Amino acid sequence: MTISRYRPVLPALAAGTVISLALSGNASALEIYDTARTKINLNVSGVAGAFHSQKGYSQTSTAEAGGRDWQEGFIKYGIDLTHALSPTAGSLYANVAWTSSGTWGQGDAAGFTTGDERRTHLEDLAVGWKSGNLIPALGPDGLDVSVGRQRIQVGDGFLISGDSLNFGDGILDGDLDRGGAYYLAARQSFERTAVVRLGGDAGWRGDLMWIQSGNPGQAKPEMAVGTLEHVTDEATLGATYLKVLTTDSDYAFLYPDRDDTRVYSVYGHGNAGVDNLFLSGQYAFQEKGNGDNENAWYLETGWTFSDMAWSPYVSYRFSRFSEGYDPLFYGNGRALGTWFQGEVAANYAGPFATNARVHQVTLSVTPTERLSLGMLAYRFDTLDANQGPNFDGNEIDLYGTWAINDHWWVSPLVGRFDPDKSASNGGSQLGDSDVNYYTQLLVGFNF
């Protein structure tokens, strides 16, 4: 159950979107009960990955200078139910799912996991009601109310894209462990939510949300969130307000300025009525709990060459995150590389969407409906090296995604990460500042 009205308009981004959806645990449904009013579906999905990094990164006390090989995997399984009350009374829906996850081998390149993590735990448990034709002014299902454990995304994930930070045993003696699968982000549901959605898929719409994270790596914040959007075929324009109400005192030291933080954000994306064009941007102003003001913003433009073979897509994005900006629950809400910018940088080396400016160039082609190839190129610059490590560097990631059939897909990736500095010279890469060649292979399924 994803709360998002983000409209991807670029078929060239399909490969990244497939990966993002798979990692979020979405799955096609196997129908197990179907009547005129009631439907019950079985959902099973999973991803397994093999990873190798020639270098380690000094994010934890367990990180090492040498190369690391590790494996991650998860399976998510559960059922969802819908029951139509009447044409004027709407419908009820519910879902429940568990996730089993783990990390094997030596643990990831930053030492967040050790290879010993295993966990099976409830992931989703939510119920809701949609209004049907009960409120004509709001349109079909124009009122949608839900409560429980569920994944929530706002926009393209600049502020919130699930509760997806999955630390393991390698940090704080395992106190933040969520069961491994750090890269795959096996667990993404917020522990408690109450959501009211107003409006349909077009025109004016909005969300009112209360969200409670159960993630110790995020200090278990409780948040109030409101969005207002105007959606057309050409563009979506919107605004978000977010307030962190409380954090858990046992973990507040991780984010000492997060409690009582307020975020005011405006954003837009679409093609402005021009076929093949993509425009996107967002600005977030942050009043932190300690009284400091921070901000983050980005501008992006892209073009699909639809008349050429393989429909090449090219885009450029500039993003900037101020020195003390709190990135909250950002993630790959739109495609691979959306807000985890750089497979090595965003996951292991840094920067982590704060104290940085990033240039990103994307190129992708779709030789067939089931095959997509892409390149992501980055330049990272640290705004103030006195605030922490110097994360200056370059990265290029080459990837492919092959949808073998309607249920299975495979995605290889090779990355070249070139930091300006080593850990001994103010950076994060252990041992030296030589180029790190990073590889991963993901295989996923859904039934």
Protein backbone atom coordinates (compact mmCIF):
# COMPACT_ATOMS: atom_id res chain seq x y z
CA MET A 1 0.00 0.00 0.00
CA THR A 2 2.02 2.99 -1.27
CA ILE A 3 0.80 6.52 -0.68
CA SER A 4 2.07 8.32 -3.74
CA ARG A 5 0.69 10.23 -6.70
CA TYR A 6 4.03 10.47 -8.44
CA ARG A 7 3.45 9.93 -12.15
CA PRO A 8 6.44 8.48 -14.01
CA VAL A 9 6.12 9.69 -17.59
CA LEU A 10 9.29 8.23 -19.10
CA PRO A 11 9.25 4.70 -20.50
CA ALA A 12 13.05 4.84 -20.67
CA LEU A 13 13.11 4.75 -16.87
CA ALA A 14 11.27 1.44 -16.74
CA ALA A 15 14.32 -0.59 -15.72
CA GLY A 16 14.96 1.46 -12.63
CA THR A 17 11.29 1.50 -11.78
CA VAL A 18 11.12 -2.31 -11.96
CA ILE A 19 13.99 -2.55 -9.49
CA SER A 20 12.50 0.05 -7.17
CA LEU A 21 9.11 -1.65 -7.10
CA ALA A 22 10.64 -5.07 -6.54
CA LEU A 23 12.72 -3.85 -3.63
CA SER A 24 9.61 -2.27 -2.14
CA GLY A 25 8.00 -5.70 -1.96
CA ASN A 26 5.26 -5.04 -4.51
CA ALA A 27 4.15 -8.14 -6.34
CA SER A 28 1.66 -9.34 -8.88
CA ALA A 29 -1.17 -11.20 -7.25
CA LEU A 30 -2.23 -14.83 -7.37
CA GLU A 31 -6.00 -14.91 -7.03
CA ILE A 32 -7.13 -17.42 -4.41
CA TYR A 33 -10.74 -16.30 -3.84
CA ASP A 34 -13.02 -14.26 -6.08
CA THR A 35 -16.72 -13.50 -5.84
CA ALA A 36 -18.80 -10.59 -7.05
CA ARG A 37 -17.97 -8.59 -3.92
CA THR A 38 -14.91 -10.18 -2.29
CA LYS A 39 -11.43 -10.88 -3.64
CA ILE A 40 -8.45 -12.40 -1.83
CA ASN A 41 -4.99 -12.47 -3.43
CA LEU A 42 -1.75 -14.14 -2.46
CA ASN A 43 1.40 -12.03 -2.96
CA VAL A 44 4.92 -13.45 -2.95
CA SER A 45 8.02 -11.55 -4.06
CA GLY A 46 11.72 -11.71 -3.41
CA VAL A 47 15.14 -10.44 -4.41
CA ALA A 48 18.57 -12.04 -4.01
CA GLY A 49 21.82 -10.22 -4.63
CA ALA A 50 25.55 -11.00 -4.81
CA PHE A 51 27.94 -8.09 -4.20
CA HIS A 52 31.67 -7.40 -4.44
CA SER A 53 33.58 -4.24 -3.51
CA GLN A 54 37.34 -3.89 -3.91
CA LYS A 55 37.42 -1.28 -1.13
CA GLY A 56 35.94 -0.73 2.31
CA TYR A 57 34.59 2.48 3.83
CA SER A 58 35.05 3.88 7.33
CA GLN A 59 31.42 4.18 8.38
CA THR A 60 31.60 1.63 11.24
CA SER A 61 34.15 -0.02 13.48
CA THR A 62 33.72 -3.30 11.58
CA ALA A 63 34.66 -1.84 8.17
CA GLU A 64 37.93 -3.10 6.67
CA ALA A 65 40.29 -1.77 4.02
CA GLY A 66 40.29 -4.86 1.82
CA GLY A 67 37.71 -6.12 -0.62
CA ARG A 68 34.46 -7.68 0.55
CA ASP A 69 32.10 -10.25 -0.90
CA TRP A 70 28.62 -10.64 0.50
CA GLN A 71 25.12 -11.78 -0.38
CA GLU A 72 21.70 -10.43 0.55
CA GLY A 73 18.18 -11.70 0.09
CA PHE A 74 14.60 -11.40 1.20
CA ILE A 75 11.20 -12.94 0.56
CA LYS A 76 7.97 -11.08 1.24
CA TYR A 77 4.74 -13.07 1.41
CA GLY A 78 1.19 -12.25 2.41
CA ILE A 79 -2.41 -11.74 1.32
CA ASP A 80 -4.59 -8.78 0.47
CA LEU A 81 -8.37 -8.58 0.56
CA THR A 82 -10.96 -6.25 -0.95
CA HIS A 83 -14.67 -6.30 -0.19
CA ALA A 84 -17.23 -4.12 -1.97
CA LEU A 85 -19.92 -2.83 0.38
CA SER A 86 -22.24 -1.26 -2.21
CA PRO A 87 -21.95 1.25 -5.07
CA THR A 88 -22.68 4.08 -2.65
CA ALA A 89 -20.92 2.72 0.44
CA GLY A 90 -17.49 2.09 -1.05
CA SER A 91 -15.21 -0.82 -0.28
CA LEU A 92 -13.01 -2.22 2.46
CA TYR A 93 -9.46 -3.44 1.91
CA ALA A 94 -6.78 -5.06 4.05
CA ASN A 95 -3.41 -6.69 3.70
CA VAL A 96 -0.96 -8.63 5.81
CA ALA A 97 2.58 -9.70 4.89
CA TRP A 98 5.77 -11.01 6.46
CA THR A 99 9.37 -10.54 5.33
CA SER A 100 12.21 -13.00 5.82
CA SER A 101 15.63 -11.48 5.16
CA GLY A 102 19.33 -12.00 5.69
CA THR A 103 22.91 -11.08 4.82
CA TRP A 104 25.64 -13.67 4.24
CA GLY A 105 29.35 -13.60 3.55
CA GLN A 106 31.62 -10.83 4.86
CA GLY A 107 29.00 -8.11 5.19
CA ASP A 108 28.71 -4.92 3.15
CA ALA A 109 31.52 -2.55 2.16
CA ALA A 110 30.74 -0.03 4.91
CA GLY A 111 30.46 -2.64 7.67
CA PHE A 112 26.80 -1.92 8.44
CA THR A 113 26.21 -5.69 8.19
CA THR A 114 28.50 -8.55 9.18
CA GLY A 115 26.96 -11.46 7.27
CA ASP A 116 25.29 -12.93 10.35
CA GLU A 117 21.90 -11.18 10.09
CA ARG A 118 18.69 -13.22 9.78
CA ARG A 119 15.11 -12.22 10.60
CA THR A 120 11.48 -13.07 9.89
CA HIS A 121 9.03 -10.42 11.00
CA LEU A 122 5.63 -8.93 10.25
CA GLU A 123 6.01 -6.31 7.52
CA ASP A 124 2.51 -5.11 6.54
CA LEU A 125 -0.74 -5.12 8.52
CA ALA A 126 -3.16 -2.45 7.36
CA VAL A 127 -6.88 -1.93 6.79
CA GLY A 128 -8.69 0.78 4.89
CA TRP A 129 -11.88 2.07 3.33
CA LYS A 130 -12.49 3.75 -0.03
CA SER A 131 -15.58 5.86 -0.58
CA GLY A 132 -16.67 4.56 -3.99
CA ASN A 133 -19.38 6.91 -5.30
CA LEU A 134 -20.47 8.04 -1.84
CA ILE A 135 -19.01 11.56 -2.26
CA PRO A 136 -19.53 12.63 -5.90
CA ALA A 137 -17.67 15.92 -5.43
CA LEU A 138 -14.44 13.99 -4.72
CA GLY A 139 -14.87 11.56 -7.61
CA PRO A 140 -14.67 7.74 -7.52
CA ASP A 141 -12.91 6.61 -4.35
CA GLY A 142 -12.16 10.25 -3.62
CA LEU A 143 -11.87 9.53 0.10
CA ASP A 144 -9.44 6.80 1.17
CA VAL A 145 -8.75 6.16 4.87
CA SER A 146 -6.23 3.58 6.09
CA VAL A 147 -4.44 2.63 9.30
CA GLY A 148 -1.73 0.15 10.24
CA ARG A 149 1.73 -0.98 9.10
CA GLN A 150 2.29 0.12 5.52
CA ARG A 151 4.82 1.64 3.15
CA ILE A 152 4.35 5.34 2.47
CA GLN A 153 5.96 7.45 -0.22
CA VAL A 154 5.58 11.17 -0.83
CA GLY A 155 6.28 12.45 -4.34
CA ASP A 156 9.36 10.86 -5.86
CA GLY A 157 10.90 10.07 -2.48
CA PHE A 158 12.85 13.29 -1.87
CA LEU A 159 11.54 13.40 1.73
CA ILE A 160 9.85 10.02 2.29
CA SER A 161 10.22 6.77 0.35
CA GLY A 162 9.38 4.09 2.89
CA ASP A 163 11.17 3.29 6.13
CA SER A 164 13.98 1.62 4.22
CA LEU A 165 17.16 2.05 6.28
CA ASN A 166 18.16 -1.54 7.14
CA PHE A 167 21.24 -1.62 9.37
CA GLY A 168 22.66 -4.90 10.64
CA ASP A 169 24.97 -6.16 13.39
CA GLY A 170 27.96 -4.08 12.31
CA ILE A 171 26.93 -0.86 14.00
CA LEU A 172 26.43 -0.18 17.75
CA ASP A 173 26.83 -3.89 18.57
CA GLY A 174 23.69 -4.78 16.64
CA ASP A 175 21.33 -2.44 18.54
CA LEU A 176 20.06 -1.08 15.20
CA ASP A 177 19.75 -4.47 13.46
CA ARG A 178 16.62 -4.95 11.31
CA GLY A 179 17.58 -8.31 9.85
CA GLY A 180 20.17 -7.52 7.21
CA ALA A 181 19.65 -6.99 3.47
CA TYR A 182 21.03 -3.47 3.85
CA TYR A 183 21.31 -2.69 0.12
CA LEU A 184 18.05 -4.40 -0.82
CA ALA A 185 16.17 -2.49 1.90
CA ALA A 186 14.09 -5.54 2.72
CA ARG A 187 11.89 -3.72 5.24
CA GLN A 188 10.17 -0.51 4.17
CA SER A 189 6.86 -0.29 6.06
CA PHE A 190 6.30 2.23 8.81
CA GLU A 191 5.26 0.63 12.09
CA ARG A 192 2.13 2.72 12.67
CA THR A 193 0.28 5.00 10.28
CA ALA A 194 -3.05 6.76 9.87
CA VAL A 195 -3.66 8.16 6.39
CA VAL A 196 -6.49 10.18 4.87
CA ARG A 197 -6.33 10.69 1.10
CA LEU A 198 -8.65 13.20 -0.56
CA GLY A 199 -9.22 13.44 -4.29
CA GLY A 200 -8.62 11.11 -7.20
CA ASP A 201 -5.95 10.79 -9.85
CA ALA A 202 -6.50 14.21 -11.42
CA GLY A 203 -7.21 17.75 -10.32
CA TRP A 204 -6.79 18.85 -6.72
CA ARG A 205 -5.91 16.19 -4.18
CA GLY A 206 -4.16 15.90 -0.82
CA ASP A 207 -3.03 13.67 2.02
CA LEU A 208 -3.08 13.96 5.79
CA MET A 209 -0.82 11.46 7.52
CA TRP A 210 0.39 10.48 10.95
CA ILE A 211 3.45 8.24 10.71
CA GLN A 212 5.36 6.38 13.42
CA SER A 213 8.66 4.74 12.49
CA GLY A 214 9.79 1.69 14.44
CA ASN A 215 13.32 1.91 13.01
CA PRO A 216 15.99 2.46 15.70
CA GLY A 217 18.43 3.57 12.97
CA GLN A 218 16.11 6.53 12.37
CA ALA A 219 15.54 7.21 16.11
CA LYS A 220 11.93 5.99 15.71
CA PRO A 221 10.43 9.39 14.89
CA GLU A 222 6.72 10.19 14.99
CA MET A 223 5.71 12.57 12.19
CA ALA A 224 2.75 14.55 10.93
CA VAL A 225 2.66 15.05 7.14
CA GLY A 226 0.33 16.96 4.84
CA THR A 227 0.42 17.26 1.06
CA LEU A 228 -1.57 19.27 -1.47
CA GLU A 229 -1.23 18.61 -5.20
CA HIS A 230 -2.75 19.63 -8.51
CA VAL A 231 -2.43 16.81 -11.02
CA THR A 232 -2.87 17.03 -14.79
CA ASP A 233 -1.58 15.01 -17.73
CA GLU A 234 1.09 17.65 -18.32
CA ALA A 235 2.37 18.25 -14.79
CA THR A 236 1.95 17.73 -11.09
CA LEU A 237 2.54 20.69 -8.79
CA GLY A 238 2.49 20.17 -5.06
CA ALA A 239 3.50 21.19 -1.58
CA THR A 240 4.36 19.18 1.54
CA TYR A 241 4.50 20.06 5.20
CA LEU A 242 6.22 17.69 7.63
CA LYS A 243 6.79 17.96 11.35
CA VAL A 244 8.76 15.53 13.51
CA LEU A 245 6.65 15.30 16.66
CA THR A 246 8.94 13.13 18.80
CA THR A 247 11.90 10.77 18.64
CA ASP A 248 12.76 7.83 20.89
CA SER A 249 14.95 9.01 23.76
CA ASP A 250 17.00 5.79 23.62
CA TYR A 251 18.14 6.58 20.06
CA ALA A 252 17.80 10.36 19.90
CA PHE A 253 21.61 10.71 20.09
CA LEU A 254 21.74 9.50 16.47
CA TYR A 255 19.81 12.59 15.33
CA PRO A 256 20.03 15.09 18.21
CA ASP A 257 18.38 17.88 16.21
CA ARG A 258 15.57 15.85 14.60
CA ASP A 259 12.94 16.24 17.32
CA ASP A 260 10.55 19.13 16.49
CA THR A 261 12.03 19.58 13.00
CA ARG A 262 9.70 21.20 10.47
CA VAL A 263 9.97 20.87 6.69
CA TYR A 264 8.21 23.04 4.10
CA SER A 265 8.56 21.82 0.53
CA VAL A 266 7.27 22.65 -2.95
CA TYR A 267 7.77 20.49 -6.02
CA GLY A 268 6.73 19.87 -9.60
CA HIS A 269 7.27 17.32 -12.36
CA GLY A 270 5.89 16.54 -15.80
CA ASN A 271 6.42 17.37 -19.46
CA ALA A 272 4.73 20.82 -19.58
CA GLY A 273 2.76 19.60 -22.57
CA VAL A 274 5.84 18.78 -24.66
CA ASP A 275 6.13 15.16 -25.77
CA ASN A 276 9.41 13.48 -24.82
CA LEU A 277 10.34 16.22 -22.34
CA PHE A 278 10.74 15.59 -18.62
CA LEU A 279 11.07 18.36 -16.05
CA SER A 280 11.31 17.95 -12.29
CA GLY A 281 12.32 20.00 -9.30
CA GLN A 282 11.83 20.38 -5.57
CA TYR A 283 12.83 22.75 -2.79
CA ALA A 284 12.71 21.84 0.92
CA PHE A 285 13.22 24.36 3.71
CA GLN A 286 13.99 22.80 7.07
CA GLU A 287 13.67 24.32 10.55
CA LYS A 288 15.60 21.93 12.77
CA GLY A 289 14.91 21.27 16.42
CA ASN A 290 18.03 23.18 17.46
CA GLY A 291 16.85 26.33 15.67
CA ASP A 292 19.12 26.02 12.62
CA ASN A 293 17.67 26.49 9.15
CA GLU A 294 18.69 24.09 6.40
CA ASN A 295 17.57 23.43 2.84
CA ALA A 296 17.82 21.01 -0.06
CA TRP A 297 16.77 21.35 -3.67
CA TYR A 298 17.19 19.93 -7.14
CA LEU A 299 16.42 20.69 -10.77
CA GLU A 300 16.27 18.02 -13.46
CA THR A 301 15.55 17.90 -17.16
CA GLY A 302 15.48 14.99 -19.57
CA TRP A 303 14.57 14.07 -23.12
CA THR A 304 13.46 10.84 -24.76
CA PHE A 305 14.54 10.43 -28.39
CA SER A 306 11.45 8.43 -29.26
CA ASP A 307 12.06 8.43 -33.01
CA MET A 308 15.47 6.78 -32.68
CA ALA A 309 16.20 3.08 -32.30
CA TRP A 310 16.00 1.90 -28.67
CA SER A 311 14.39 5.23 -27.63
CA PRO A 312 17.44 6.73 -25.86
CA TYR A 313 16.73 8.85 -22.80
CA VAL A 314 19.20 11.49 -21.53
CA SER A 315 18.85 13.65 -18.44
CA TYR A 316 20.84 15.99 -16.22
CA ARG A 317 20.14 16.79 -12.58
CA PHE A 318 21.77 19.13 -10.09
CA SER A 319 20.99 18.63 -6.42
CA ARG A 320 22.23 20.44 -3.33
CA PHE A 321 21.87 19.53 0.35
CA SER A 322 23.00 22.12 2.91
CA GLU A 323 25.62 21.39 5.55
CA GLY A 324 23.24 20.29 8.31
CA TYR A 325 20.30 19.09 6.24
CA ASP A 326 18.46 16.04 7.64
CA PRO A 327 17.55 13.78 4.68
CA LEU A 328 14.85 11.95 6.69
CA PHE A 329 13.42 8.97 4.76
CA TYR A 330 14.60 9.64 1.20
CA GLY A 331 14.96 6.81 -1.32
CA ASN A 332 14.61 5.47 -4.87
CA GLY A 333 10.98 6.40 -5.28
CA ARG A 334 11.09 6.88 -9.05
CA ALA A 335 13.90 4.78 -10.46
CA LEU A 336 17.39 3.48 -9.77
CA GLY A 337 19.48 6.47 -8.72
CA THR A 338 16.55 8.69 -7.77
CA TRP A 339 17.81 9.68 -4.32
CA PHE A 340 20.37 6.98 -3.59
CA GLN A 341 22.75 8.81 -5.89
CA GLY A 342 25.62 6.47 -6.75
CA GLU A 343 25.59 2.78 -5.93
CA VAL A 344 28.88 3.05 -4.02
CA ALA A 345 28.56 6.63 -2.81
CA ALA A 346 24.98 6.56 -1.57
CA ASN A 347 25.19 3.14 0.06
CA TYR A 348 28.73 2.88 1.47
CA ALA A 349 31.14 5.74 0.83
CA GLY A 350 29.01 8.88 1.16
CA PRO A 351 27.72 11.50 0.75
CA PHE A 352 24.37 10.55 2.23
CA ALA A 353 22.17 13.41 0.96
CA THR A 354 23.60 16.06 3.28
CA ASN A 355 26.47 18.61 3.10
CA ALA A 356 26.87 17.95 -0.62
CA ARG A 357 26.14 19.03 -4.14
CA VAL A 358 25.74 16.42 -6.83
CA HIS A 359 25.80 16.51 -10.62
CA GLN A 360 24.10 13.51 -12.23
CA VAL A 361 23.88 12.50 -15.90
CA THR A 362 21.61 9.61 -16.89
CA LEU A 363 21.53 7.70 -20.16
CA SER A 364 19.27 4.73 -20.82
CA VAL A 365 18.12 2.72 -23.84
CA THR A 366 15.46 0.05 -24.28
CA PRO A 367 16.53 -2.44 -27.00
CA THR A 368 13.40 -4.53 -26.35
CA GLU A 369 10.31 -4.31 -24.17
CA ARG A 370 11.98 -6.64 -21.68
CA LEU A 371 15.54 -5.30 -21.78
CA SER A 372 16.83 -1.93 -20.61
CA LEU A 373 20.42 -0.69 -20.36
CA GLY A 374 21.62 2.39 -18.57
CA MET A 375 24.45 4.55 -17.31
CA LEU A 376 24.46 6.83 -14.26
CA ALA A 377 27.37 9.29 -13.93
CA TYR A 378 27.99 11.47 -10.86
CA ARG A 379 30.23 14.18 -9.53
CA PHE A 380 30.11 14.65 -5.73
CA ASP A 381 31.37 17.78 -3.95
CA THR A 382 31.39 18.33 -0.19
CA LEU A 383 30.15 21.77 0.83
CA ASP A 384 32.07 22.00 4.12
CA ALA A 385 34.75 19.42 4.90
CA ASN A 386 34.96 20.76 8.47
CA GLN A 387 31.50 19.30 9.11
CA GLY A 388 32.75 15.72 8.58
CA PRO A 389 34.45 13.54 5.97
CA ASN A 390 35.31 14.92 2.55
CA PHE A 391 33.16 12.92 0.13
CA ASP A 392 34.43 14.53 -3.09
CA GLY A 393 34.64 12.05 -5.95
CA ASN A 394 33.25 10.64 -9.17
CA GLU A 395 31.19 7.56 -9.93
CA ILE A 396 29.93 5.83 -13.06
CA ASP A 397 27.44 2.94 -12.85
CA LEU A 398 26.52 0.72 -15.80
CA TYR A 399 23.48 -1.49 -15.38
CA GLY A 400 20.98 -3.63 -17.24
CA THR A 401 17.60 -5.07 -16.42
CA TRP A 402 16.15 -8.06 -18.21
CA ALA A 403 12.57 -9.06 -17.49
CA ILE A 404 12.88 -12.75 -18.27
CA ASN A 405 9.11 -13.23 -18.13
CA ASP A 406 6.18 -11.81 -16.20
CA HIS A 407 7.54 -13.18 -12.92
CA TRP A 408 11.36 -13.15 -13.04
CA TRP A 409 13.94 -10.44 -13.69
CA VAL A 410 17.72 -10.09 -13.45
CA SER A 411 19.85 -6.96 -13.14
CA PRO A 412 23.68 -6.80 -13.26
CA LEU A 413 25.58 -3.61 -12.38
CA VAL A 414 29.22 -2.52 -12.55
CA GLY A 415 30.35 0.66 -10.80
CA ARG A 416 33.55 2.68 -10.91
CA PHE A 417 34.00 4.89 -7.85
CA ASP A 418 36.92 7.32 -7.73
CA PRO A 419 37.21 9.30 -4.46
CA ASP A 420 39.40 12.37 -4.21
CA LYS A 421 40.62 11.45 -0.73
CA SER A 422 41.23 8.35 1.40
CA ALA A 423 40.09 7.88 4.99
CA SER A 424 43.56 8.80 6.25
CA ASN A 425 43.32 12.10 4.35
CA GLY A 426 39.82 13.18 5.36
CA GLY A 427 37.74 10.93 3.12
CA SER A 428 35.99 7.61 3.80
CA GLN A 429 37.72 5.00 1.62
CA LEU A 430 40.01 2.81 3.71
CA GLY A 431 43.56 2.08 2.61
CA ASP A 432 43.94 4.50 -0.29
CA SER A 433 42.10 6.73 -2.71
CA ASP A 434 42.48 4.43 -5.72
CA VAL A 435 39.56 3.56 -7.96
CA ASN A 436 37.12 1.00 -6.56
CA TYR A 437 35.44 -1.33 -9.06
CA TYR A 438 32.15 -2.50 -7.59
CA THR A 439 29.88 -5.24 -8.96
CA GLN A 440 26.47 -6.60 -8.06
CA LEU A 441 23.97 -9.04 -9.54
CA LEU A 442 20.32 -8.98 -8.53
CA VAL A 443 17.69 -11.60 -9.30
CA GLY A 444 14.06 -11.00 -8.40
CA PHE A 445 10.68 -12.65 -8.72
CA ASN A 446 7.04 -11.97 -7.97
CA PHE A 447 4.01 -14.25 -8.09
